Amino acid sequence: MALPYAEVIGDPIAHSKSPKIHGFWLKALGIEAEYRATHVLPEALPAYFTERKADPDWRGCNITVPHKIAALEHVEDREDVRTSIGATNTAFRDADGALVGTNTDAAGFAAPLARFDLTGKPVTVIGAGGAGRAVLYALAGIGVGPVTLFNRDVEKATALLSSFGLAGQALPIEQAVPPSALVVNATSLGMTGQPPLDLDLSALPEDAVVYDIVYAPLETGLLAAARARGLAKIDGLEMLIGQAAVAFERFFGVVPPRKRDGELRDILLK
């Protein structure tokens, strides 16, 4: 008999650590199910969702680049993700059998920031794509001060700030980073196989936090620059594990064992 399963989809997908995370939790909880990585090209996305919706063993999927916005066309938006964040990173089968989209990135991103006081403080974000939308949504909820949003399309970035009710400015990526309490890389720049993200962090105060959502490599060029300055750092595994935990509960109906995060990180770093 086939086992229930969930998966992560994207293009590319070989780098994903999601199978290790969900596999660790499934084993720890003694759940007989699987979690897979599935390469889905953009043109194959409609067929993918049609096939999975008809598969009774499928519990859902995590969605990574480049599908986070396009996937909204293939799921029910019962949580108003389209107007709140504008991107989905998780689809799951609801109790009535419907295929529902949600976004766990915002919660996963915000969790490690709880140990810092960022209310009313200036923030710089790089990237206005699917992940950037979740980051901005979370920052609006935290109540940060003005946001400088770096993006290739400045007009798009300006509109995005406005849509989240965030004061600030949009600038091209090559501009210098202004003094900020928090700098977030919400792009794939710096990821293995992608162009580097070269930012001058000299204007940051000594108590600034640098957060890179990229997790392959774990220490990106941006985080190495932060370490050289002695700044607080948050790596991509913190967000990855946090958002995965929310998705896992949607897929399998149980809370993952977060007290074993240290053990899980050791596995992910091998």
Foldseek 3Di string as FASTA:
>chain_A
DAAAEEEEEEVVWPVDPLQLLLVVLCVVVVNGYHYYYDYADPVCLQVVLVVQLPDPSYFWYFYDPPCFQVCVVRFDAPVVCCLQQNGFGIWGQDPVSGIHTDHLLLQLVCVVCVVDQQAQWEEEEEDDHNSVSSPLSNCLVSHHHAYEYEDQPQVVVVVSCVSSVHHYGYDHLPDADAAGQEYEYRDCAQAVPHHHRDHDPVNYDQAHEYEYLHVHPFCGPSNVVCVVSVYHYHTNVSSVSSSSQVNSCSRPVDGGDCVCVVVSVVVSND
